[in-house]
Amino acid sequence: MSQPKSQDSPGPSVKPENEAAPLLDVIDLRTWFDTESGVARAVDGINFSLRAGKTLAVVGESGCGKTVTALSILRLIPMPPGRFASGEIRFEGRDLTKLSPQELRSIRGGKIAMIFQEPATSLNPVFTIGDQIAEAIKLHRKLPPADVRPEVIRALKSVQVSDPERRIDQYPHEMSGGMKQRVMIAMALACQPRLLIADEPTTAVDVTIQARILTLLQDLQAKTNMSILLITHDLGVVAELADDVVVMYAGQVIEQAPVEQLFDHPRHPYTQGLFASLPNIEGEKKRLVAIEGSVPAATRFPEGCRFRERCPHAAEICLQNPPLVSIGDNHSVACLRHAEIVRPA
């Protein structure tokens, strides 16, 4: 694996006085769903910030609330059954939860763009891919009509789409899964957003294309000072792209730290379990360690620490709710036993 590059409503992290205001600030966000089985607390009191030009990775198993967090930022949660139970989503100082639909349309796809996890279902099957990319360019960049098609071709070239002059007139069903993923990335980047939300951006592509996409994102970030909110299961991608990491479990942030700090000194048993489940190609070959059990349903979170039923270090104290507390070096953890737990060798 690559080396990283050089709760109950806990308050946001304290920032140094000389640090600029974050581009994105999520404060005590709770996105709940009313279901027949009860209230599903998919996102339940999370806090994090993202600075301009930086990449924040959000990691965790499926069902931890990562994608709901991303959709909440763009207010793409269907309401009902979803609702914002509390919290703020501040982008450039404005609370997105308070904006009108018209104000949101001016931001979505323009200042904030998203690469969705499932390109096969995110592209409209009855429009060509050129028309779908052009729609965003026309809406947000206000280019003359004659300049739109060349700009769409340029966007396709930027993500290594072969023969873009022909591909621009194709429909989604005429493309492979990896090609659709690249089209989604081209669409997201075509309007030069200030914030890119990338939900598993390399899932449907092979390793060679993944490397190209990661290089492309890094190059664009360097040129435009774009911020990236990266949602992924791939810790190798996190090591390659991220500046800071948020670890989510059962709708809450259970650890957050700069990427080097998290990789070198994970303090939450869940984070340690994620690293223990990875193969090590350099050291002695060992049996991989699995995290027993699965993420609890959002309608039936256990009392106290939500990881305790799967945690090898659980004790009676874990029946209490663990707050997210600072342990230094911009590193925070939500575990009442973190001082006693050492990362497994």
Protein backbone atom coordinates (compact mmCIF):
# COMPACT_ATOMS: atom_id res chain seq x y z
CA MET A 1 0.00 0.00 0.00
CA SER A 2 1.21 3.54 -0.73
CA GLN A 3 2.59 5.60 2.09
CA PRO A 4 0.55 8.70 2.89
CA LYS A 5 1.70 11.95 1.40
CA SER A 6 4.02 14.49 3.16
CA GLN A 7 -21.34 10.54 19.41
CA ASP A 8 -23.03 12.55 20.71
CA SER A 9 -22.88 15.99 19.26
CA PRO A 10 -19.23 16.76 19.96
CA GLY A 11 -18.30 20.34 19.12
CA PRO A 12 -16.25 21.23 16.07
CA SER A 13 -12.48 21.07 16.36
CA VAL A 14 -10.76 24.18 17.70
CA LYS A 15 -8.83 25.89 14.89
CA PRO A 16 -5.69 27.99 15.29
CA GLU A 17 -6.43 31.71 15.26
CA ASN A 18 -4.33 32.29 12.15
CA GLU A 19 -6.02 29.56 10.11
CA ALA A 20 -8.31 30.74 7.33
CA ALA A 21 -11.99 29.93 7.51
CA PRO A 22 -12.73 26.52 5.96
CA LEU A 23 -14.38 26.27 2.56
CA LEU A 24 -16.77 23.64 3.96
CA ASP A 25 -17.78 23.36 7.60
CA VAL A 26 -20.18 20.61 8.71
CA ILE A 27 -21.51 21.27 12.21
CA ASP A 28 -23.51 18.75 14.28
CA LEU A 29 -25.20 17.35 11.15
CA ARG A 30 -27.97 14.82 11.72
CA THR A 31 -29.69 13.34 8.66
CA TRP A 32 -32.43 10.96 9.72
CA PHE A 33 -34.96 8.86 7.81
CA ASP A 34 -38.46 7.97 9.00
CA THR A 35 -39.06 4.30 8.21
CA GLU A 36 -41.57 1.61 9.14
CA SER A 37 -38.94 0.16 11.48
CA GLY A 38 -38.39 3.48 13.24
CA VAL A 39 -36.09 6.46 12.80
CA ALA A 40 -32.89 5.57 10.93
CA ARG A 41 -30.15 7.87 12.22
CA ALA A 42 -27.93 7.47 9.16
CA VAL A 43 -25.85 10.55 10.01
CA ASP A 44 -25.99 11.38 13.69
CA GLY A 45 -24.13 14.44 14.90
CA ILE A 46 -20.98 14.74 12.78
CA ASN A 47 -18.48 17.60 12.61
CA PHE A 48 -15.65 18.21 10.15
CA SER A 49 -14.06 21.01 8.13
CA LEU A 50 -12.39 21.14 4.73
CA ARG A 51 -9.96 23.89 3.75
CA ALA A 52 -9.53 25.32 0.25
CA GLY A 53 -7.13 23.32 -1.90
CA LYS A 54 -7.08 20.33 0.47
CA THR A 55 -8.42 16.78 0.30
CA LEU A 56 -10.44 15.25 3.13
CA ALA A 57 -11.07 11.51 2.92
CA VAL A 58 -14.10 9.95 4.61
CA VAL A 59 -13.61 6.21 5.21
CA GLY A 60 -15.56 3.39 6.78
CA GLU A 61 -17.55 0.29 5.90
CA SER A 62 -20.72 0.34 3.83
CA GLY A 63 -23.60 1.55 5.99
CA CYS A 64 -21.51 3.94 8.09
CA GLY A 65 -23.14 7.08 6.64
CA LYS A 66 -20.48 8.26 4.17
CA THR A 67 -22.68 8.61 1.09
CA VAL A 68 -25.58 10.09 3.08
CA THR A 69 -23.14 12.73 4.30
CA ALA A 70 -22.18 13.58 0.72
CA LEU A 71 -25.78 13.70 -0.47
CA SER A 72 -26.70 15.86 2.52
CA ILE A 73 -24.12 18.48 1.52
CA LEU A 74 -25.77 18.84 -1.88
CA ARG A 75 -29.24 18.46 -0.35
CA LEU A 76 -30.04 15.50 -2.55
CA ILE A 77 -31.68 13.55 0.27
CA PRO A 78 -35.32 12.77 -0.62
CA MET A 79 -37.56 14.54 1.90
CA PRO A 80 -39.60 12.69 3.05
CA PRO A 81 -38.54 10.14 4.21
CA GLY A 82 -35.28 11.98 4.96
CA ARG A 83 -34.91 15.11 7.08
CA PHE A 84 -32.27 17.30 8.66
CA ALA A 85 -32.84 16.77 12.38
CA SER A 86 -30.16 19.34 13.26
CA GLY A 87 -26.96 20.93 12.15
CA GLU A 88 -25.43 23.28 9.60
CA ILE A 89 -23.59 22.74 6.32
CA ARG A 90 -21.63 25.93 5.74
CA PHE A 91 -20.07 26.42 2.28
CA GLU A 92 -18.21 29.68 1.72
CA GLY A 93 -19.89 30.90 4.89
CA ARG A 94 -23.47 30.15 3.75
CA ASP A 95 -25.59 27.46 5.39
CA LEU A 96 -26.72 25.20 2.54
CA THR A 97 -29.58 23.83 4.63
CA LYS A 98 -31.20 27.28 4.56
CA LEU A 99 -30.92 28.02 0.82
CA SER A 100 -33.87 28.07 -1.58
CA PRO A 101 -34.07 25.53 -4.45
CA GLN A 102 -33.09 28.25 -6.92
CA GLU A 103 -30.02 29.22 -4.88
CA LEU A 104 -29.01 25.57 -4.62
CA ARG A 105 -29.25 25.09 -8.40
CA SER A 106 -26.71 27.87 -8.86
CA ILE A 107 -24.26 25.97 -6.62
CA ARG A 108 -24.83 22.32 -7.59
CA GLY A 109 -22.71 21.32 -10.56
CA GLY A 110 -21.00 24.71 -10.55
CA LYS A 111 -19.29 25.54 -7.27
CA ILE A 112 -19.89 22.06 -5.85
CA ALA A 113 -19.78 19.03 -8.14
CA MET A 114 -20.13 15.35 -7.34
CA ILE A 115 -18.86 12.14 -8.89
CA PHE A 116 -21.55 9.60 -8.03
CA GLN A 117 -20.79 6.04 -7.00
CA GLU A 118 -22.90 4.31 -9.68
CA PRO A 119 -22.24 5.79 -13.15
CA ALA A 120 -24.58 3.28 -14.81
CA THR A 121 -27.58 4.72 -12.96
CA SER A 122 -26.38 8.33 -12.72
CA LEU A 123 -26.27 8.98 -16.48
CA ASN A 124 -29.54 9.59 -18.32
CA PRO A 125 -29.98 6.77 -20.88
CA VAL A 126 -31.98 8.89 -23.36
CA PHE A 127 -29.40 11.68 -23.83
CA THR A 128 -25.94 11.47 -25.37
CA ILE A 129 -23.05 11.89 -22.99
CA GLY A 130 -22.10 15.08 -24.85
CA ASP A 131 -25.52 16.60 -24.18
CA GLN A 132 -25.29 15.72 -20.49
CA ILE A 133 -21.87 17.33 -20.03
CA ALA A 134 -22.90 20.33 -22.13
CA GLU A 135 -25.95 20.97 -19.94
CA ALA A 136 -23.78 21.76 -16.93
CA ILE A 137 -21.41 23.91 -18.98
CA LYS A 138 -24.28 25.96 -20.44
CA LEU A 139 -25.89 26.48 -17.05
CA HIS A 140 -22.84 27.44 -15.01
CA ARG A 141 -20.18 28.77 -17.41
CA LYS A 142 -22.38 30.75 -19.81
CA LEU A 143 -20.19 29.97 -22.83
CA PRO A 144 -21.25 30.98 -26.37
CA PRO A 145 -23.07 28.06 -28.07
CA ALA A 146 -20.24 27.59 -30.58
CA ASP A 147 -17.74 27.01 -27.77
CA VAL A 148 -19.71 24.37 -25.87
CA ARG A 149 -18.97 21.31 -28.02
CA PRO A 150 -15.18 21.95 -28.13
CA GLU A 151 -15.27 22.37 -24.35
CA VAL A 152 -17.08 19.03 -23.92
CA ILE A 153 -14.45 17.35 -26.10
CA ARG A 154 -11.70 18.95 -24.02
CA ALA A 155 -13.36 17.64 -20.84
CA LEU A 156 -13.49 14.11 -22.26
CA LYS A 157 -9.85 14.29 -23.32
CA SER A 158 -8.85 15.39 -19.83
CA VAL A 159 -10.08 12.08 -18.37
CA GLN A 160 -8.45 9.92 -21.06
CA VAL A 161 -11.62 9.10 -23.03
CA SER A 162 -10.44 7.67 -26.35
CA ASP A 163 -11.74 9.20 -29.60
CA PRO A 164 -13.75 11.93 -27.82
CA GLU A 165 -14.97 13.43 -31.13
CA ARG A 166 -16.93 10.21 -31.69
CA ARG A 167 -17.74 9.38 -28.07
CA ILE A 168 -19.42 12.74 -27.53
CA ASP A 169 -22.41 11.57 -29.59
CA GLN A 170 -22.74 8.15 -27.95
CA TYR A 171 -25.34 7.11 -25.39
CA PRO A 172 -24.44 5.61 -22.01
CA HIS A 173 -25.43 2.07 -23.04
CA GLU A 174 -22.73 2.16 -25.73
CA MET A 175 -19.97 2.51 -23.15
CA SER A 176 -18.26 0.22 -20.65
CA GLY A 177 -18.55 0.77 -16.92
CA GLY A 178 -15.08 2.29 -16.73
CA MET A 179 -15.83 4.65 -19.62
CA LYS A 180 -19.05 5.79 -17.93
CA GLN A 181 -17.09 6.51 -14.77
CA ARG A 182 -14.69 8.71 -16.73
CA VAL A 183 -17.63 10.53 -18.30
CA MET A 184 -19.02 11.20 -14.81
CA ILE A 185 -15.67 12.63 -13.75
CA ALA A 186 -15.49 14.80 -16.89
CA MET A 187 -19.00 16.10 -16.16
CA ALA A 188 -18.10 16.94 -12.57
CA LEU A 189 -14.88 18.75 -13.51
CA ALA A 190 -16.21 20.57 -16.60
CA CYS A 191 -17.37 23.59 -14.57
CA GLN A 192 -14.17 23.88 -12.54
CA PRO A 193 -15.84 23.49 -9.12
CA ARG A 194 -14.43 24.88 -5.89
CA LEU A 195 -15.45 21.65 -4.12
CA LEU A 196 -15.49 18.19 -5.69
CA ILE A 197 -17.30 15.42 -3.82
CA ALA A 198 -15.93 12.13 -5.12
CA ASP A 199 -17.92 9.07 -4.00
CA GLU A 200 -15.75 6.03 -4.80
CA PRO A 201 -14.40 7.71 -7.98
CA THR A 202 -12.21 4.78 -9.05
CA THR A 203 -14.49 1.84 -8.21
CA ALA A 204 -15.42 0.92 -11.80
CA VAL A 205 -12.00 1.40 -13.43
CA ASP A 206 -8.92 -0.77 -13.63
CA VAL A 207 -5.65 -0.04 -11.85
CA THR A 208 -4.06 1.75 -14.82
CA ILE A 209 -7.00 4.12 -15.28
CA GLN A 210 -7.23 4.59 -11.50
CA ALA A 211 -3.66 5.90 -11.45
CA ARG A 212 -4.46 8.31 -14.28
CA ILE A 213 -7.60 9.57 -12.54
CA LEU A 214 -5.75 10.16 -9.27
CA THR A 215 -3.01 12.04 -11.14
CA LEU A 216 -5.65 14.08 -12.97
CA LEU A 217 -7.36 15.07 -9.70
CA GLN A 218 -4.03 16.04 -8.14
CA ASP A 219 -3.06 18.14 -11.18
CA LEU A 220 -6.42 19.93 -11.27
CA GLN A 221 -6.27 20.57 -7.55
CA ALA A 222 -2.81 22.11 -7.90
CA LYS A 223 -3.92 24.35 -10.78
CA THR A 224 -7.30 25.49 -9.47
CA ASN A 225 -7.00 25.18 -5.65
CA MET A 226 -10.05 22.89 -5.76
CA SER A 227 -11.00 21.09 -2.54
CA ILE A 228 -11.89 17.39 -2.64
CA LEU A 229 -14.15 15.46 -0.29
CA LEU A 230 -13.16 11.87 -1.05
CA ILE A 231 -15.40 8.98 -0.01
CA THR A 232 -13.70 5.63 -0.38
CA HIS A 233 -13.05 2.17 1.04
CA ASP A 234 -9.58 2.12 -0.54
CA LEU A 235 -6.92 3.14 1.97
CA GLY A 236 -4.34 3.12 -0.82
CA VAL A 237 -6.27 5.91 -2.54
CA VAL A 238 -6.50 7.73 0.80
CA ALA A 239 -2.71 7.52 1.19
CA GLU A 240 -2.24 8.88 -2.33
CA LEU A 241 -4.69 11.79 -2.26
CA ALA A 242 -5.74 12.83 1.24
CA ASP A 243 -4.41 15.52 3.54
CA ASP A 244 -6.79 14.66 6.39
CA VAL A 245 -9.00 11.66 7.17
CA VAL A 246 -12.35 11.26 8.90
CA VAL A 247 -13.28 7.73 9.98
CA MET A 248 -17.03 7.13 10.26
CA TYR A 249 -18.85 4.33 12.01
CA ALA A 250 -22.61 3.93 12.54
CA GLY A 251 -23.39 7.50 11.53
CA GLN A 252 -20.73 9.16 13.69
CA VAL A 253 -17.16 10.38 13.34
CA ILE A 254 -15.08 8.11 15.55
CA GLU A 255 -11.59 9.34 14.58
CA GLN A 256 -10.09 12.18 12.56
CA ALA A 257 -6.47 13.15 11.94
CA PRO A 258 -3.94 14.24 9.31
CA VAL A 259 -3.27 11.33 6.98
CA GLU A 260 0.27 10.59 8.19
CA GLN A 261 -0.82 10.68 11.82
CA LEU A 262 -3.74 8.33 11.21
CA PHE A 263 -1.69 5.82 9.24
CA ASP A 264 1.15 5.81 11.76
CA HIS A 265 -0.89 6.02 14.98
CA PRO A 266 -4.53 4.93 14.62
CA ARG A 267 -6.11 5.13 18.06
CA HIS A 268 -9.68 3.84 17.70
CA PRO A 269 -10.10 0.03 17.71
CA TYR A 270 -12.24 0.30 14.56
CA THR A 271 -9.55 2.23 12.67
CA GLN A 272 -6.97 -0.26 13.87
CA GLY A 273 -9.20 -3.06 12.58
CA LEU A 274 -9.36 -1.46 9.14
CA PHE A 275 -5.57 -1.36 8.91
CA ALA A 276 -5.20 -4.89 10.31
CA SER A 277 -7.42 -6.22 7.53
CA LEU A 278 -4.99 -4.99 4.83
CA PRO A 279 -2.28 -7.23 3.35
CA ASN A 280 1.33 -6.16 3.87
CA ILE A 281 3.43 -6.90 0.79
CA GLU A 282 6.70 -5.83 2.41
CA GLY A 283 6.77 -7.55 5.81
CA GLU A 284 6.24 -11.08 7.03
CA LYS A 285 3.16 -12.77 5.60
CA LYS A 286 0.44 -13.05 8.23
CA ARG A 287 -3.17 -14.11 8.28
CA LEU A 288 -5.39 -11.08 7.72
CA VAL A 289 -7.49 -10.00 10.68
CA ALA A 290 -11.20 -9.48 10.02
CA ILE A 291 -13.49 -7.22 12.02
CA GLU A 292 -16.14 -9.59 13.35
CA GLY A 293 -19.81 -8.79 12.80
CA SER A 294 -21.28 -5.97 10.75
CA VAL A 295 -22.37 -2.35 11.08
CA PRO A 296 -25.63 -2.20 13.11
CA ALA A 297 -28.82 -1.02 11.45
CA ALA A 298 -29.35 2.73 11.75
CA THR A 299 -32.67 2.06 13.51
CA ARG A 300 -31.04 -0.14 16.19
CA PHE A 301 -27.77 1.39 17.31
CA PRO A 302 -26.52 -0.15 20.58
CA GLU A 303 -26.34 1.81 23.81
CA GLY A 304 -23.07 3.62 24.49
CA CYS A 305 -20.22 3.11 22.04
CA ARG A 306 -21.72 1.90 18.79
CA PHE A 307 -18.69 -0.25 18.02
CA ARG A 308 -18.58 -2.03 21.38
CA GLU A 309 -20.42 -5.19 20.24
CA ARG A 310 -17.65 -5.80 17.67
CA CYS A 311 -14.73 -4.38 19.65
CA PRO A 312 -12.08 -6.74 21.11
CA HIS A 313 -11.33 -4.15 23.81
CA ALA A 314 -14.91 -3.52 24.97
CA ALA A 315 -15.47 -3.12 28.73
CA GLU A 316 -18.22 -1.94 31.04
CA ILE A 317 -17.18 1.68 30.59
CA CYS A 318 -18.11 1.35 26.90
CA LEU A 319 -21.79 1.43 27.86
CA GLN A 320 -21.26 5.21 28.13
CA ASN A 321 -21.36 7.44 25.06
CA PRO A 322 -17.79 8.32 24.02
CA PRO A 323 -17.28 11.98 23.03
CA LEU A 324 -14.90 12.91 20.23
CA VAL A 325 -11.91 14.35 22.13
CA SER A 326 -8.61 15.84 21.00
CA ILE A 327 -5.48 13.82 21.74
CA GLY A 328 -3.07 16.31 20.14
CA ASP A 329 -1.57 16.94 16.69
CA ASN A 330 -5.04 17.71 15.24
CA HIS A 331 -5.94 14.14 16.12
CA SER A 332 -9.32 13.33 17.72
CA VAL A 333 -10.84 10.02 18.76
CA ALA A 334 -14.15 8.82 20.22
CA CYS A 335 -13.06 5.95 22.46
CA LEU A 336 -13.11 5.87 26.26
CA ARG A 337 -10.24 3.36 26.32
CA HIS A 338 -8.00 4.92 23.64
CA ALA A 339 -5.18 5.63 26.12
CA GLU A 340 -4.98 1.92 27.01
CA ILE A 341 -5.10 0.56 23.46
CA VAL A 342 -1.98 0.08 21.38
CA ARG A 343 -2.13 -0.63 17.67
CA PRO A 344 -1.65 -4.36 16.97
CA ALA A 345 1.79 -5.25 15.63
